[in-house]
Amino acid sequence: MFLAKIYITLKPSVNDPQGLTIKGGLHNLGFNSVNSVRAGKYMEINVNETDRAKAEEQVRGMCEQLLTNPIIEDFRFELEAIKD
């Protein structure tokens, strides 16, 4: 079994209004050294697979078919083996 740690971010060319709002809030709190913020999503998914290559293929498929919008988002993931 594997734990997939999935990181989803907006592509660099896409405006990030949530990131701008967070940056403004941080500045209001006195964290004026913050230059930019990009917001994203983080997910953990347990994959019941014994073969790492198959698990990677499944997670990549999940990301490409459902979890991300490939027009505006990029993704990367890490697989961590879980002992039963």
N, C-alpha and C. Protein backbone atom coordinates (compact mmCIF):
# COMPACT_ATOMS: atom_id res chain seq x y z
N MET A 1 0.84 -1.16 0.00
CA MET A 1 0.00 0.00 0.00
C MET A 1 0.90 1.24 0.00
N PHE A 2 0.40 2.31 -0.62
CA PHE A 2 1.15 3.55 -0.73
C PHE A 2 0.30 4.73 -0.31
N LEU A 3 0.95 5.71 0.25
CA LEU A 3 0.33 7.00 0.55
C LEU A 3 0.80 7.97 -0.52
N ALA A 4 -0.15 8.49 -1.28
CA ALA A 4 0.17 9.49 -2.30
C ALA A 4 -0.04 10.88 -1.69
N LYS A 5 1.00 11.69 -1.71
CA LYS A 5 0.92 13.08 -1.27
C LYS A 5 0.90 13.93 -2.53
N ILE A 6 -0.23 14.56 -2.80
CA ILE A 6 -0.45 15.25 -4.06
C ILE A 6 -0.49 16.75 -3.82
N TYR A 7 0.31 17.47 -4.61
CA TYR A 7 0.40 18.93 -4.53
C TYR A 7 -0.12 19.51 -5.84
N ILE A 8 -1.14 20.35 -5.75
CA ILE A 8 -1.76 20.96 -6.93
C ILE A 8 -1.59 22.47 -6.84
N THR A 9 -1.02 23.07 -7.87
CA THR A 9 -0.80 24.51 -7.89
C THR A 9 -1.29 25.10 -9.21
N LEU A 10 -1.62 26.38 -9.15
CA LEU A 10 -1.97 27.07 -10.38
C LEU A 10 -0.72 27.24 -11.24
N LYS A 11 -0.89 27.18 -12.53
CA LYS A 11 0.24 27.42 -13.43
C LYS A 11 0.72 28.86 -13.23
N PRO A 12 2.01 29.10 -13.43
CA PRO A 12 2.57 30.44 -13.19
C PRO A 12 1.86 31.56 -13.96
N SER A 13 1.32 31.26 -15.13
CA SER A 13 0.68 32.29 -15.95
C SER A 13 -0.76 32.60 -15.51
N VAL A 14 -1.29 31.85 -14.54
CA VAL A 14 -2.68 32.03 -14.10
C VAL A 14 -2.72 32.97 -12.89
N ASN A 15 -3.60 33.96 -12.94
CA ASN A 15 -3.78 34.86 -11.81
C ASN A 15 -4.27 34.07 -10.60
N ASP A 16 -3.85 34.49 -9.41
CA ASP A 16 -4.20 33.80 -8.17
C ASP A 16 -4.85 34.78 -7.18
N PRO A 17 -6.17 35.04 -7.31
CA PRO A 17 -6.81 35.99 -6.43
C PRO A 17 -6.77 35.56 -4.96
N GLN A 18 -6.82 34.27 -4.70
CA GLN A 18 -6.73 33.78 -3.32
C GLN A 18 -5.36 34.10 -2.73
N GLY A 19 -4.32 33.89 -3.51
CA GLY A 19 -2.97 34.21 -3.07
C GLY A 19 -2.81 35.70 -2.79
N LEU A 20 -3.40 36.55 -3.65
CA LEU A 20 -3.33 38.00 -3.43
C LEU A 20 -4.05 38.40 -2.15
N THR A 21 -5.19 37.77 -1.88
CA THR A 21 -5.94 38.05 -0.65
C THR A 21 -5.13 37.65 0.58
N ILE A 22 -4.50 36.49 0.52
CA ILE A 22 -3.66 36.03 1.63
C ILE A 22 -2.50 36.99 1.84
N LYS A 23 -1.87 37.40 0.75
CA LYS A 23 -0.75 38.35 0.85
C LYS A 23 -1.20 39.64 1.52
N GLY A 24 -2.36 40.16 1.11
CA GLY A 24 -2.89 41.38 1.72
C GLY A 24 -3.15 41.20 3.21
N GLY A 25 -3.71 40.05 3.59
CA GLY A 25 -3.95 39.77 5.00
C GLY A 25 -2.66 39.69 5.80
N LEU A 26 -1.65 39.08 5.23
CA LEU A 26 -0.36 38.99 5.90
C LEU A 26 0.26 40.38 6.09
N HIS A 27 0.13 41.21 5.06
CA HIS A 27 0.64 42.58 5.17
C HIS A 27 -0.10 43.34 6.26
N ASN A 28 -1.44 43.15 6.33
CA ASN A 28 -2.23 43.81 7.37
C ASN A 28 -1.81 43.37 8.77
N LEU A 29 -1.31 42.16 8.89
CA LEU A 29 -0.86 41.64 10.18
C LEU A 29 0.59 42.03 10.49
N GLY A 30 1.20 42.75 9.59
CA GLY A 30 2.55 43.23 9.83
C GLY A 30 3.65 42.40 9.20
N PHE A 31 3.30 41.40 8.42
CA PHE A 31 4.30 40.57 7.74
C PHE A 31 4.62 41.19 6.37
N ASN A 32 5.24 42.35 6.42
CA ASN A 32 5.48 43.13 5.21
C ASN A 32 6.59 42.58 4.32
N SER A 33 7.35 41.62 4.81
CA SER A 33 8.42 41.05 3.99
C SER A 33 7.88 40.02 2.99
N VAL A 34 6.59 39.67 3.09
CA VAL A 34 6.01 38.71 2.15
C VAL A 34 5.89 39.39 0.79
N ASN A 35 6.53 38.81 -0.20
CA ASN A 35 6.55 39.38 -1.54
C ASN A 35 5.43 38.83 -2.43
N SER A 36 5.14 37.54 -2.29
CA SER A 36 4.08 36.94 -3.09
C SER A 36 3.58 35.67 -2.41
N VAL A 37 2.35 35.30 -2.75
CA VAL A 37 1.74 34.07 -2.22
C VAL A 37 1.02 33.40 -3.38
N ARG A 38 1.23 32.11 -3.52
CA ARG A 38 0.47 31.28 -4.47
C ARG A 38 -0.24 30.23 -3.65
N ALA A 39 -1.55 30.16 -3.77
CA ALA A 39 -2.34 29.18 -3.03
C ALA A 39 -2.51 27.92 -3.88
N GLY A 40 -2.67 26.80 -3.22
CA GLY A 40 -2.86 25.54 -3.94
C GLY A 40 -3.65 24.56 -3.10
N LYS A 41 -3.61 23.31 -3.52
CA LYS A 41 -4.32 22.24 -2.81
C LYS A 41 -3.33 21.13 -2.47
N TYR A 42 -3.59 20.47 -1.36
CA TYR A 42 -2.79 19.32 -0.94
C TYR A 42 -3.75 18.20 -0.60
N MET A 43 -3.48 17.01 -1.09
CA MET A 43 -4.32 15.84 -0.81
C MET A 43 -3.46 14.65 -0.44
N GLU A 44 -3.99 13.80 0.40
CA GLU A 44 -3.37 12.51 0.71
C GLU A 44 -4.37 11.42 0.34
N ILE A 45 -3.91 10.47 -0.45
CA ILE A 45 -4.76 9.36 -0.89
C ILE A 45 -4.01 8.06 -0.66
N ASN A 46 -4.65 7.13 0.02
CA ASN A 46 -4.09 5.79 0.20
C ASN A 46 -4.44 4.95 -1.02
N VAL A 47 -3.43 4.33 -1.60
CA VAL A 47 -3.62 3.50 -2.78
C VAL A 47 -3.27 2.07 -2.40
N ASN A 48 -4.25 1.19 -2.51
CA ASN A 48 -4.07 -0.22 -2.14
C ASN A 48 -3.46 -0.97 -3.32
N GLU A 49 -2.16 -0.79 -3.48
CA GLU A 49 -1.42 -1.39 -4.59
C GLU A 49 -0.06 -1.80 -4.05
N THR A 50 0.44 -2.94 -4.49
CA THR A 50 1.75 -3.41 -4.02
C THR A 50 2.89 -2.99 -4.94
N ASP A 51 2.58 -2.72 -6.20
CA ASP A 51 3.58 -2.34 -7.18
C ASP A 51 3.67 -0.82 -7.30
N ARG A 52 4.85 -0.27 -7.06
CA ARG A 52 5.03 1.19 -7.09
C ARG A 52 4.66 1.78 -8.45
N ALA A 53 5.07 1.14 -9.53
CA ALA A 53 4.78 1.66 -10.87
C ALA A 53 3.28 1.73 -11.12
N LYS A 54 2.55 0.72 -10.68
CA LYS A 54 1.09 0.73 -10.84
C LYS A 54 0.46 1.82 -10.00
N ALA A 55 0.96 1.99 -8.79
CA ALA A 55 0.43 3.05 -7.92
C ALA A 55 0.68 4.42 -8.54
N GLU A 56 1.88 4.64 -9.09
CA GLU A 56 2.19 5.91 -9.75
C GLU A 56 1.26 6.15 -10.93
N GLU A 57 1.03 5.12 -11.70
CA GLU A 57 0.15 5.23 -12.86
C GLU A 57 -1.27 5.60 -12.43
N GLN A 58 -1.75 4.98 -11.36
CA GLN A 58 -3.10 5.28 -10.88
C GLN A 58 -3.21 6.71 -10.36
N VAL A 59 -2.24 7.13 -9.58
CA VAL A 59 -2.28 8.49 -9.02
C VAL A 59 -2.19 9.52 -10.15
N ARG A 60 -1.32 9.30 -11.11
CA ARG A 60 -1.21 10.21 -12.25
C ARG A 60 -2.55 10.28 -12.99
N GLY A 61 -3.19 9.14 -13.18
CA GLY A 61 -4.50 9.11 -13.83
C GLY A 61 -5.56 9.87 -13.04
N MET A 62 -5.55 9.72 -11.72
CA MET A 62 -6.50 10.45 -10.86
C MET A 62 -6.31 11.95 -11.04
N CYS A 63 -5.06 12.37 -11.03
CA CYS A 63 -4.76 13.80 -11.17
C CYS A 63 -5.18 14.33 -12.53
N GLU A 64 -4.88 13.59 -13.57
CA GLU A 64 -5.18 14.04 -14.93
C GLU A 64 -6.67 14.01 -15.24
N GLN A 65 -7.41 13.04 -14.67
CA GLN A 65 -8.81 12.86 -15.03
C GLN A 65 -9.81 13.55 -14.10
N LEU A 66 -9.42 13.80 -12.84
CA LEU A 66 -10.40 14.34 -11.91
C LEU A 66 -9.86 15.44 -10.98
N LEU A 67 -8.71 15.23 -10.41
CA LEU A 67 -8.25 16.09 -9.32
C LEU A 67 -7.75 17.46 -9.76
N THR A 68 -7.33 17.59 -11.01
CA THR A 68 -6.80 18.87 -11.48
C THR A 68 -7.50 19.32 -12.75
N ASN A 69 -7.40 20.61 -12.99
CA ASN A 69 -7.82 21.18 -14.26
C ASN A 69 -6.54 21.44 -15.05
N PRO A 70 -6.23 20.60 -16.04
CA PRO A 70 -4.93 20.71 -16.72
C PRO A 70 -4.72 22.02 -17.48
N ILE A 71 -5.77 22.77 -17.69
CA ILE A 71 -5.63 24.05 -18.40
C ILE A 71 -4.98 25.09 -17.48
N ILE A 72 -5.32 25.05 -16.18
CA ILE A 72 -4.83 26.10 -15.28
C ILE A 72 -3.98 25.57 -14.12
N GLU A 73 -3.90 24.24 -13.95
CA GLU A 73 -3.20 23.70 -12.79
C GLU A 73 -2.10 22.71 -13.18
N ASP A 74 -1.06 22.69 -12.35
CA ASP A 74 0.00 21.69 -12.43
C ASP A 74 -0.11 20.80 -11.20
N PHE A 75 0.47 19.62 -11.27
CA PHE A 75 0.49 18.77 -10.10
C PHE A 75 1.81 18.02 -10.02
N ARG A 76 2.11 17.60 -8.82
CA ARG A 76 3.21 16.68 -8.57
C ARG A 76 2.80 15.84 -7.39
N PHE A 77 3.42 14.68 -7.26
CA PHE A 77 3.06 13.82 -6.13
C PHE A 77 4.27 13.01 -5.70
N GLU A 78 4.18 12.56 -4.46
CA GLU A 78 5.19 11.68 -3.86
C GLU A 78 4.45 10.43 -3.39
N LEU A 79 5.09 9.30 -3.53
CA LEU A 79 4.54 8.05 -3.00
C LEU A 79 5.38 7.59 -1.83
N GLU A 80 4.71 7.22 -0.78
CA GLU A 80 5.37 6.72 0.42
C GLU A 80 4.80 5.34 0.72
N ALA A 81 5.66 4.36 0.83
CA ALA A 81 5.20 3.01 1.14
C ALA A 81 4.64 2.98 2.57
N ILE A 82 3.50 2.31 2.71
CA ILE A 82 2.85 2.16 4.02
C ILE A 82 2.90 0.68 4.37
N LYS A 83 3.34 0.39 5.56
CA LYS A 83 3.35 -1.00 6.01
C LYS A 83 2.01 -1.33 6.64
N ASP A 84 1.49 -2.48 6.28
CA ASP A 84 0.18 -2.90 6.83
C ASP A 84 0.26 -3.21 8.30
